[in-house]
Amino acid sequence: MPSAVLTGGSAAWFVSRTCRKAFRVTNPEPKQLSMLERIDLALASRMVSSTLEDEPIAAAQRVLDNVRRPDPNDAQFAASMLRLRGFIIDDDDAADVLAGRPGRLAPITQEHRLLRGLAECLRRIRVRAGEGREPDGRFLIELFASLTAELPRFRNNDLRRGPPWDAILYVEYPAPEQLRSVVETFDLQRCYRDVPLVFHSLHPVRQGFRLMWRFARIAPFPDFNALVAWLGMNAWLQVKGFPLLAPMPGDQQFLARLLSGPPPTKLVHLEARLLTAFGDAA
């Protein structure tokens, strides 16, 4: 049995969960499914929709592998990530950059360099998910380094030495001298510095939301903290077998409101967007 199935892909968990979900759906008493139940069913149905001769765990693993393959929509995802930080960029421009074609964005522009960095971030996220390894603080530092690799001002400047440039009003951030130890303890073993009882009680999708919120509130980098936190959420979703969740117009303001408040227990509109992503990834 492939090790990725056991460690990070959640294939066996979803296959076994399918039987319970199917029983609920066929129950003669109709029940309105929650958004999370619909997400579980969308993933589980893919894992059991193969031919009868397929071994279930192997079929589930193929579904997970497909979720983590490079996708034609990667350029749109990368462009949406930069728009999350306030850049004005078209999907077509991002597609030219990721395809290595000449386009409106010259190689010397910041946008061009960040798009190339995002392509490397996506590659790293997929490789790590395929290995069944959840993201941690060190990995998110690696993503920041990949994102900013072609921007000279960030060389040897990974952890901030003062307030973050993308700080949100009324949010208290850890002092720079605390960042190294805080990031080192940002991992699954410590529930991403969350309350263990709360974190373990949540659905994996909602655990991803908590991961994003807590890392963005640490804001360990000089800039692009919300962007890397969003990538961290996607790294978590990928290792759990879910498709990428791209930012959309209005998410910049949404994140500012979210991060200035308490940690979320649910974000229904993001859950609905993730369910839609299953159809987009078909």
Protein backbone atom coordinates (compact mmCIF):
# COMPACT_ATOMS: atom_id res chain seq x y z
CA MET A 1 0.00 0.00 0.00
CA PRO A 2 1.52 3.41 -0.91
CA SER A 3 2.90 5.26 2.12
CA ALA A 4 1.25 8.51 1.02
CA VAL A 5 -2.13 6.90 1.51
CA LEU A 6 -1.38 6.18 5.14
CA THR A 7 0.45 9.34 6.13
CA GLY A 8 -1.15 12.29 4.42
CA GLY A 9 -3.51 11.47 1.60
CA SER A 10 -6.38 10.38 3.87
CA ALA A 11 -7.45 7.93 1.17
CA ALA A 12 -8.22 5.10 3.57
CA TRP A 13 -10.09 7.48 5.88
CA PHE A 14 -12.25 8.82 3.08
CA VAL A 15 -12.95 5.38 1.63
CA SER A 16 -14.15 4.08 4.99
CA ARG A 17 -16.10 7.28 5.58
CA THR A 18 -17.92 6.82 2.27
CA CYS A 19 -19.91 3.87 3.57
CA ARG A 20 -21.24 5.93 6.46
CA LYS A 21 -22.08 8.84 4.16
CA ALA A 22 -23.84 6.59 1.69
CA PHE A 23 -25.94 5.13 4.46
CA ARG A 24 -27.04 8.58 5.52
CA VAL A 25 -27.95 9.60 2.01
CA THR A 26 -30.05 6.47 1.41
CA ASN A 27 -31.81 6.78 4.73
CA PRO A 28 -35.57 6.93 4.03
CA GLU A 29 -35.85 10.01 6.23
CA PRO A 30 -34.42 12.87 4.12
CA LYS A 31 -31.78 14.97 5.83
CA GLN A 32 -30.35 18.27 4.69
CA LEU A 33 -26.62 17.74 4.29
CA SER A 34 -24.26 20.32 5.71
CA MET A 35 -21.69 21.99 3.49
CA LEU A 36 -18.91 19.90 5.01
CA GLU A 37 -20.85 16.68 4.45
CA ARG A 38 -21.32 17.66 0.82
CA ILE A 39 -17.57 18.30 0.51
CA ASP A 40 -16.81 14.89 2.05
CA LEU A 41 -19.24 13.23 -0.35
CA ALA A 42 -17.74 15.03 -3.35
CA LEU A 43 -14.31 13.67 -2.50
CA ALA A 44 -15.52 10.23 -1.46
CA SER A 45 -17.64 9.81 -4.59
CA ARG A 46 -14.58 10.42 -6.73
CA MET A 47 -12.68 7.79 -4.81
CA VAL A 48 -15.30 5.08 -5.29
CA SER A 49 -16.48 5.95 -8.81
CA SER A 50 -13.83 3.82 -10.53
CA THR A 51 -14.48 0.46 -12.18
CA LEU A 52 -15.36 -2.54 -10.04
CA GLU A 53 -12.04 -4.29 -10.58
CA ASP A 54 -10.08 -1.43 -9.06
CA GLU A 55 -8.75 -1.93 -5.55
CA PRO A 56 -10.40 0.83 -3.45
CA ILE A 57 -7.28 2.25 -1.79
CA ALA A 58 -5.35 2.31 -5.06
CA ALA A 59 -8.28 4.05 -6.77
CA ALA A 60 -8.42 6.59 -3.95
CA GLN A 61 -4.70 7.24 -4.28
CA ARG A 62 -5.11 7.95 -7.99
CA VAL A 63 -7.76 10.54 -7.16
CA LEU A 64 -5.40 12.20 -4.68
CA ASP A 65 -2.57 12.19 -7.19
CA ASN A 66 -4.83 13.85 -9.75
CA VAL A 67 -5.77 16.61 -7.28
CA ARG A 68 -2.07 17.39 -6.85
CA ARG A 69 -1.07 17.50 -10.52
CA PRO A 70 -0.22 20.78 -12.29
CA ASP A 71 -3.42 22.28 -13.61
CA PRO A 72 -4.32 24.59 -16.52
CA ASN A 73 -5.84 26.92 -13.92
CA ASP A 74 -2.52 27.40 -12.12
CA ALA A 75 -2.02 30.75 -13.86
CA GLN A 76 -5.42 31.96 -12.63
CA PHE A 77 -4.57 30.77 -9.13
CA ALA A 78 -1.23 32.62 -9.17
CA ALA A 79 -2.83 35.81 -10.48
CA SER A 80 -5.53 35.65 -7.81
CA MET A 81 -2.84 35.27 -5.15
CA LEU A 82 -1.15 38.49 -6.26
CA ARG A 83 -4.51 40.26 -6.41
CA LEU A 84 -4.96 39.19 -2.78
CA ARG A 85 -1.93 41.39 -1.97
CA GLY A 86 -3.29 44.27 -4.04
CA PHE A 87 -1.51 43.80 -7.36
CA ILE A 88 -3.49 44.54 -10.51
CA ILE A 89 -2.83 41.63 -12.84
CA ASP A 90 -4.76 39.74 -15.51
CA ASP A 91 -5.02 35.96 -15.74
CA ASP A 92 -3.70 36.08 -19.33
CA ASP A 93 -0.56 37.91 -18.21
CA ALA A 94 0.03 35.28 -15.55
CA ALA A 95 -0.49 32.53 -18.12
CA ASP A 96 2.19 34.06 -20.37
CA VAL A 97 4.66 34.21 -17.50
CA LEU A 98 4.06 30.65 -16.32
CA ALA A 99 4.28 29.35 -19.89
CA GLY A 100 7.52 31.25 -20.52
CA ARG A 101 5.97 33.27 -23.36
CA PRO A 102 6.74 36.93 -24.06
CA GLY A 103 3.93 39.11 -22.77
CA ARG A 104 3.02 42.42 -21.21
CA LEU A 105 4.93 41.71 -18.00
CA ALA A 106 8.65 42.21 -18.58
CA PRO A 107 10.99 39.85 -16.69
CA ILE A 108 12.32 42.76 -14.64
CA THR A 109 8.90 43.60 -13.18
CA GLN A 110 8.00 42.63 -9.63
CA GLU A 111 4.82 40.91 -10.82
CA HIS A 112 6.72 38.71 -13.27
CA ARG A 113 9.17 37.64 -10.58
CA LEU A 114 6.47 36.96 -8.02
CA LEU A 115 4.49 34.85 -10.50
CA ARG A 116 7.56 32.71 -11.11
CA GLY A 117 7.96 32.40 -7.34
CA LEU A 118 4.33 31.34 -6.96
CA ALA A 119 4.80 28.64 -9.60
CA GLU A 120 7.64 27.23 -7.50
CA CYS A 121 5.48 27.46 -4.36
CA LEU A 122 2.76 25.41 -6.04
CA ARG A 123 5.31 22.80 -7.09
CA ARG A 124 6.61 22.54 -3.51
CA ILE A 125 3.10 22.31 -2.06
CA ARG A 126 2.20 19.44 -4.38
CA VAL A 127 5.42 17.54 -3.77
CA ARG A 128 4.98 17.81 -0.01
CA ALA A 129 1.33 16.76 -0.21
CA GLY A 130 2.31 13.76 -2.32
CA GLU A 131 4.73 12.77 0.43
CA GLY A 132 1.91 12.98 2.97
CA ARG A 133 3.59 15.76 4.97
CA GLU A 134 1.51 18.51 6.55
CA PRO A 135 2.87 22.08 6.35
CA ASP A 136 4.78 23.55 9.26
CA GLY A 137 6.53 26.82 10.07
CA ARG A 138 9.78 25.84 8.40
CA PHE A 139 7.97 24.87 5.22
CA LEU A 140 6.13 28.20 5.16
CA ILE A 141 9.48 29.98 5.46
CA GLU A 142 10.59 27.94 2.44
CA LEU A 143 7.48 29.08 0.55
CA PHE A 144 8.25 32.71 1.37
CA ALA A 145 11.84 32.22 0.17
CA SER A 146 10.55 30.66 -3.08
CA LEU A 147 8.00 33.42 -3.57
CA THR A 148 10.54 36.22 -3.17
CA ALA A 149 13.62 34.45 -4.60
CA GLU A 150 13.93 36.91 -7.52
CA LEU A 151 13.33 40.05 -5.43
CA PRO A 152 16.71 41.37 -4.20
CA ARG A 153 15.26 43.24 -1.20
CA PHE A 154 14.22 39.95 0.42
CA ARG A 155 17.56 38.16 0.16
CA ASN A 156 18.77 37.24 3.65
CA ASN A 157 15.63 38.95 4.89
CA ASP A 158 13.22 36.13 5.70
CA LEU A 159 11.98 36.94 9.22
CA ARG A 160 11.03 40.53 9.81
CA ARG A 161 13.09 42.83 12.03
CA GLY A 162 10.23 45.20 12.77
CA PRO A 163 6.47 45.50 12.19
CA PRO A 164 5.21 43.77 9.01
CA TRP A 165 4.75 46.03 6.01
CA ASP A 166 1.34 44.48 5.42
CA ALA A 167 0.22 44.88 9.04
CA ILE A 168 -3.49 45.03 9.81
CA LEU A 169 -4.78 47.72 12.12
CA TYR A 170 -5.46 46.66 15.75
CA VAL A 171 -3.65 43.31 15.41
CA GLU A 172 -0.82 42.67 17.87
CA TYR A 173 2.05 40.76 16.29
CA PRO A 174 4.85 38.88 18.05
CA ALA A 175 8.03 40.85 18.58
CA PRO A 176 10.81 40.14 16.04
CA GLU A 177 12.99 38.47 18.66
CA GLN A 178 10.21 35.95 19.34
CA LEU A 179 9.61 34.95 15.73
CA ARG A 180 12.17 32.17 15.38
CA SER A 181 10.82 30.19 18.35
CA VAL A 182 7.19 30.90 17.39
CA VAL A 183 7.66 29.64 13.83
CA GLU A 184 9.60 26.59 15.03
CA THR A 185 6.57 25.54 17.10
CA PHE A 186 4.06 26.10 14.30
CA ASP A 187 3.32 22.48 13.38
CA LEU A 188 0.66 19.80 13.58
CA GLN A 189 2.12 18.29 16.73
CA ARG A 190 1.32 21.56 18.52
CA CYS A 191 -1.94 22.07 16.58
CA TYR A 192 -0.40 25.11 14.88
CA ARG A 193 -0.33 26.91 18.24
CA ASP A 194 -4.10 26.45 18.50
CA VAL A 195 -6.10 25.06 21.43
CA PRO A 196 -5.74 21.26 20.98
CA LEU A 197 -9.27 20.46 22.15
CA VAL A 198 -10.73 22.93 19.66
CA PHE A 199 -8.41 22.06 16.77
CA HIS A 200 -8.93 18.31 17.00
CA SER A 201 -12.71 18.74 17.13
CA LEU A 202 -12.82 20.50 13.76
CA HIS A 203 -13.26 19.11 10.26
CA PRO A 204 -9.96 19.15 8.25
CA VAL A 205 -11.27 21.99 6.07
CA ARG A 206 -11.92 24.13 9.12
CA GLN A 207 -8.56 23.15 10.59
CA GLY A 208 -7.07 24.67 7.44
CA PHE A 209 -8.90 27.94 8.11
CA ARG A 210 -7.47 28.02 11.65
CA LEU A 211 -3.96 27.35 10.32
CA MET A 212 -4.27 30.29 7.92
CA TRP A 213 -5.61 32.63 10.62
CA ARG A 214 -2.93 31.77 13.17
CA PHE A 215 -0.02 32.07 10.76
CA ALA A 216 -1.27 35.40 9.38
CA ARG A 217 -1.54 36.67 12.97
CA ILE A 218 2.11 35.75 13.55
CA ALA A 219 3.08 37.61 10.33
CA PRO A 220 6.72 36.51 10.52
CA PHE A 221 7.80 38.04 7.19
CA PRO A 222 8.45 41.63 6.17
CA ASP A 223 5.64 41.36 3.60
CA PHE A 224 3.24 38.89 1.92
CA ASN A 225 2.15 37.34 5.23
CA ALA A 226 -1.52 36.86 4.31
CA LEU A 227 -0.45 35.48 0.93
CA VAL A 228 1.85 32.87 2.49
CA ALA A 229 -0.81 32.05 5.11
CA TRP A 230 -3.27 31.39 2.27
CA LEU A 231 -0.68 29.16 0.61
CA GLY A 232 -0.27 27.35 3.94
CA MET A 233 -4.01 26.69 4.08
CA ASN A 234 -3.83 25.26 0.56
CA ALA A 235 -0.85 23.10 1.51
CA TRP A 236 -3.00 21.66 4.31
CA LEU A 237 -5.99 21.13 2.00
CA GLN A 238 -3.83 19.43 -0.61
CA VAL A 239 -2.35 16.94 1.84
CA LYS A 240 -5.90 16.12 2.97
CA GLY A 241 -6.99 15.47 -0.63
CA PHE A 242 -8.89 18.69 -1.37
CA PRO A 243 -8.42 20.91 -4.46
CA LEU A 244 -6.77 24.31 -4.35
CA LEU A 245 -8.86 27.15 -2.95
CA ALA A 246 -8.14 30.36 -4.88
CA PRO A 247 -8.77 33.88 -3.56
CA MET A 248 -11.55 35.86 -5.19
CA PRO A 249 -12.41 39.57 -5.49
CA GLY A 250 -13.16 40.99 -2.07
CA ASP A 251 -10.97 38.52 -0.17
CA GLN A 252 -8.41 41.21 0.64
CA GLN A 253 -11.02 43.11 2.66
CA PHE A 254 -12.46 39.87 3.99
CA LEU A 255 -9.07 38.79 5.36
CA ALA A 256 -8.52 42.17 7.02
CA ARG A 257 -11.82 41.76 8.88
CA LEU A 258 -11.15 38.12 9.67
CA LEU A 259 -7.66 38.66 11.06
CA SER A 260 -8.75 41.54 13.28
CA GLY A 261 -11.25 39.25 15.03
CA PRO A 262 -11.22 35.90 16.86
CA PRO A 263 -10.03 32.67 15.19
CA PRO A 264 -12.75 31.25 12.92
CA THR A 265 -14.58 28.03 13.67
CA LYS A 266 -16.19 28.04 10.22
CA LEU A 267 -16.14 30.12 7.05
CA VAL A 268 -19.21 28.99 5.16
CA HIS A 269 -18.56 30.99 1.99
CA LEU A 270 -15.07 29.45 1.69
CA GLU A 271 -16.54 26.01 2.27
CA ALA A 272 -19.03 26.65 -0.54
CA ARG A 273 -16.18 27.81 -2.77
CA LEU A 274 -14.24 24.63 -2.03
CA LEU A 275 -17.26 22.53 -2.99
CA THR A 276 -17.40 24.43 -6.28
CA ALA A 277 -13.70 23.74 -6.80
CA PHE A 278 -14.47 20.03 -6.96
CA GLY A 279 -16.57 20.70 -10.06
CA ASP A 280 -13.93 22.97 -11.56
CA ALA A 281 -11.28 20.30 -11.08
CA ALA A 282 -13.34 17.61 -12.83
